[in-house]
C-alpha atoms as a PDB file:
ATOM      1  CA  MET A   1       8.765   2.823  18.289  1.00  0.00           C
ATOM      2  CA  ALA A   2       5.303   1.961  17.041  1.00  0.00           C
ATOM      3  CA  TYR A   3       3.800   4.075  14.269  1.00  0.00           C
ATOM      4  CA  ARG A   4       0.135   4.783  13.712  1.00  0.00           C
ATOM      5  CA  VAL A   5      -0.918   3.622  10.229  1.00  0.00           C
ATOM      6  CA  ARG A   6      -3.705   5.492   8.449  1.00  0.00           C
ATOM      7  CA  PHE A   7      -5.206   5.259   4.987  1.00  0.00           C
ATOM      8  CA  LEU A   8      -5.805   8.465   3.068  1.00  0.00           C
ATOM      9  CA  GLN A   9      -9.091   8.543   1.143  1.00  0.00           C
ATOM     10  CA  SER A  10      -7.259   8.025  -2.148  1.00  0.00           C
ATOM     11  CA  ALA A  11      -5.633   4.831  -0.860  1.00  0.00           C
ATOM     12  CA  GLN A  12      -8.910   3.507   0.543  1.00  0.00           C
ATOM     13  CA  ARG A  13     -10.583   4.140  -2.822  1.00  0.00           C
ATOM     14  CA  ASP A  14      -7.736   2.305  -4.563  1.00  0.00           C
ATOM     15  CA  ALA A  15      -8.093  -0.681  -2.206  1.00  0.00           C
ATOM     16  CA  ASP A  16     -11.869  -0.768  -2.676  1.00  0.00           C
ATOM     17  CA  ARG A  17     -11.582  -0.655  -6.489  1.00  0.00           C
ATOM     18  CA  LEU A  18      -8.954  -3.379  -6.520  1.00  0.00           C
ATOM     19  CA  LEU A  19     -11.075  -5.539  -4.211  1.00  0.00           C
ATOM     20  CA  VAL A  20     -14.047  -5.236  -6.564  1.00  0.00           C
ATOM     21  CA  ARG A  21     -11.899  -6.026  -9.619  1.00  0.00           C
ATOM     22  CA  ILE A  22     -10.292  -9.069  -7.988  1.00  0.00           C
ATOM     23  CA  THR A  23     -13.612 -10.337  -6.605  1.00  0.00           C
ATOM     24  CA  GLU A  24     -15.225 -10.065 -10.044  1.00  0.00           C
ATOM     25  CA  ALA A  25     -12.415 -12.158 -11.542  1.00  0.00           C
ATOM     26  CA  ALA A  26     -12.117 -14.638  -8.660  1.00  0.00           C
ATOM     27  CA  PRO A  27     -14.950 -14.354  -6.099  1.00  0.00           C
ATOM     28  CA  THR A  28     -13.249 -16.322  -3.335  1.00  0.00           C
ATOM     29  CA  GLN A  29      -9.874 -14.629  -3.771  1.00  0.00           C
ATOM     30  CA  GLY A  30     -11.026 -11.016  -3.370  1.00  0.00           C
ATOM     31  CA  PRO A  31     -11.582 -11.146   0.397  1.00  0.00           C
ATOM     32  CA  VAL A  32      -8.405 -13.221   0.870  1.00  0.00           C
ATOM     33  CA  TRP A  33      -6.396 -10.631  -1.090  1.00  0.00           C
ATOM     34  CA  TYR A  34      -7.918  -7.744   0.876  1.00  0.00           C
ATOM     35  CA  GLU A  35      -7.183  -9.381   4.218  1.00  0.00           C
ATOM     36  CA  GLY A  36      -3.570  -9.958   3.138  1.00  0.00           C
ATOM     37  CA  LEU A  37      -3.239  -6.345   1.992  1.00  0.00           C
ATOM     38  CA  ILE A  38      -4.552  -4.992   5.291  1.00  0.00           C
ATOM     39  CA  SER A  39      -2.206  -7.287   7.203  1.00  0.00           C
ATOM     40  CA  ALA A  40       0.824  -6.195   5.137  1.00  0.00           C
ATOM     41  CA  VAL A  41      -0.050  -2.511   5.588  1.00  0.00           C
ATOM     42  CA  ALA A  42      -0.643  -2.968   9.329  1.00  0.00           C
ATOM     43  CA  ALA A  43       2.873  -4.421   9.602  1.00  0.00           C
ATOM     44  CA  LEU A  44       4.164  -0.938   8.705  1.00  0.00           C
ATOM     45  CA  GLU A  45       3.389  -0.095  12.324  1.00  0.00           C
ATOM     46  CA  TYR A  46       6.862  -1.481  13.027  1.00  0.00           C
ATOM     47  CA  LEU A  47       9.912  -0.703  10.893  1.00  0.00           C
ATOM     48  CA  PRO A  48       8.291   1.181   7.993  1.00  0.00           C
ATOM     49  CA  LYS A  49      11.739   2.441   7.014  1.00  0.00           C
ATOM     50  CA  ARG A  50      12.600  -1.071   5.829  1.00  0.00           C
ATOM     51  CA  CYS A  51      10.753  -0.183   2.618  1.00  0.00           C
ATOM     52  CA  PRO A  52      12.710   1.655  -0.072  1.00  0.00           C
ATOM     53  CA  VAL A  53      12.339   5.339  -0.934  1.00  0.00           C
ATOM     54  CA  VAL A  54      10.884   6.079  -4.393  1.00  0.00           C
ATOM     55  CA  PRO A  55      13.117   8.908  -5.688  1.00  0.00           C
ATOM     56  CA  LYS A  56      10.755   9.908  -8.531  1.00  0.00           C
ATOM     57  CA  ALA A  57       7.865  10.454  -6.124  1.00  0.00           C
ATOM     58  CA  SER A  58       9.820  12.105  -3.302  1.00  0.00           C
ATOM     59  CA  ARG A  59      10.097  15.872  -2.912  1.00  0.00           C
ATOM     60  CA  GLY A  60      12.511  17.527  -0.504  1.00  0.00           C
ATOM     61  CA  GLU A  61      12.151  16.005   2.938  1.00  0.00           C
ATOM     62  CA  ALA A  62       8.937  14.181   1.989  1.00  0.00           C
ATOM     63  CA  GLU A  63      10.280  10.715   1.218  1.00  0.00           C
ATOM     64  CA  VAL A  64       7.654   8.550  -0.424  1.00  0.00           C
ATOM     65  CA  ARG A  65       8.311   4.893   0.296  1.00  0.00           C
ATOM     66  CA  GLN A  66       6.927   1.773  -1.314  1.00  0.00           C
ATOM     67  CA  LEU A  67       5.743  -1.543   0.081  1.00  0.00           C
ATOM     68  CA  LEU A  68       5.416  -4.349  -2.460  1.00  0.00           C
ATOM     69  CA  PHE A  69       2.623  -6.817  -1.760  1.00  0.00           C
ATOM     70  CA  GLY A  70       1.845 -10.026  -3.628  1.00  0.00           C
ATOM     71  CA  ARG A  71       3.730 -12.353  -5.950  1.00  0.00           C
ATOM     72  CA  LYS A  72       4.721 -11.963  -9.561  1.00  0.00           C
ATOM     73  CA  PRO A  73       2.942 -11.247 -11.783  1.00  0.00           C
ATOM     74  CA  TYR A  74       0.400  -9.894  -9.266  1.00  0.00           C
ATOM     75  CA  VAL A  75       2.494  -7.385  -7.336  1.00  0.00           C
ATOM     76  CA  TYR A  76       0.729  -4.381  -5.777  1.00  0.00           C
ATOM     77  CA  ARG A  77       2.582  -1.189  -4.815  1.00  0.00           C
ATOM     78  CA  VAL A  78       1.589   0.605  -1.620  1.00  0.00           C
ATOM     79  CA  SER A  79       3.002   4.160  -1.523  1.00  0.00           C
ATOM     80  CA  PHE A  80       3.301   5.853   1.854  1.00  0.00           C
ATOM     81  CA  LEU A  81       4.887   8.697   3.813  1.00  0.00           C
ATOM     82  CA  ILE A  82       6.334   8.621   7.303  1.00  0.00           C
ATOM     83  CA  GLN A  83       5.653  11.799   9.267  1.00  0.00           C
ATOM     84  CA  ARG A  84       6.803  11.721  12.884  1.00  0.00           C
ATOM     85  CA  ASP A  85       4.911   8.751  14.355  1.00  0.00           C
ATOM     86  CA  VAL A  86       2.338   8.368  11.553  1.00  0.00           C
ATOM     87  CA  VAL A  87       2.538   6.249   8.404  1.00  0.00           C
ATOM     88  CA  SER A  88       0.135   7.685   5.821  1.00  0.00           C
ATOM     89  CA  ILE A  89      -0.876   5.315   3.038  1.00  0.00           C
ATOM     90  CA  LEU A  90      -1.101   7.458  -0.097  1.00  0.00           C
ATOM     91  CA  ARG A  91      -2.000   5.127  -2.973  1.00  0.00           C
ATOM     92  CA  ILE A  92      -2.252   1.456  -3.884  1.00  0.00           C
ATOM     93  CA  HIS A  93      -1.438   0.492  -7.455  1.00  0.00           C
ATOM     94  CA  GLY A  94      -2.203  -2.835  -9.036  1.00  0.00           C
ATOM     95  CA  PRO A  95      -0.102  -4.771 -11.532  1.00  0.00           C
ATOM     96  CA  GLY A  96       0.524  -2.735 -14.661  1.00  0.00           C
ATOM     97  CA  GLN A  97      -0.981   0.489 -13.293  1.00  0.00           C
ATOM     98  CA  VAL A  98       0.948   3.653 -13.925  1.00  0.00           C
ATOM     99  CA  ARG A  99       1.868   5.714 -10.872  1.00  0.00           C
END
């Protein structure tokens, strides 16, 4: 079954802020990072349940899951919900950011 992946406004804002921050630090790496992020998130179209549930963030039947993107020490956390056939990207946190 293929899922439809959609970014909530909060997640899109997170991605935009991270892109600006990375581009300021390494101008050529920002677009490369963003393209990789979008590709990793798009892969949630198939098998999003492969990502672990985050117990602290989950409430009742709403299981928040987490996709890790990047390599240490630059690991980004993509939090998302699966509702029927839709994967909703909730937030994207950068290294060291508190949830």
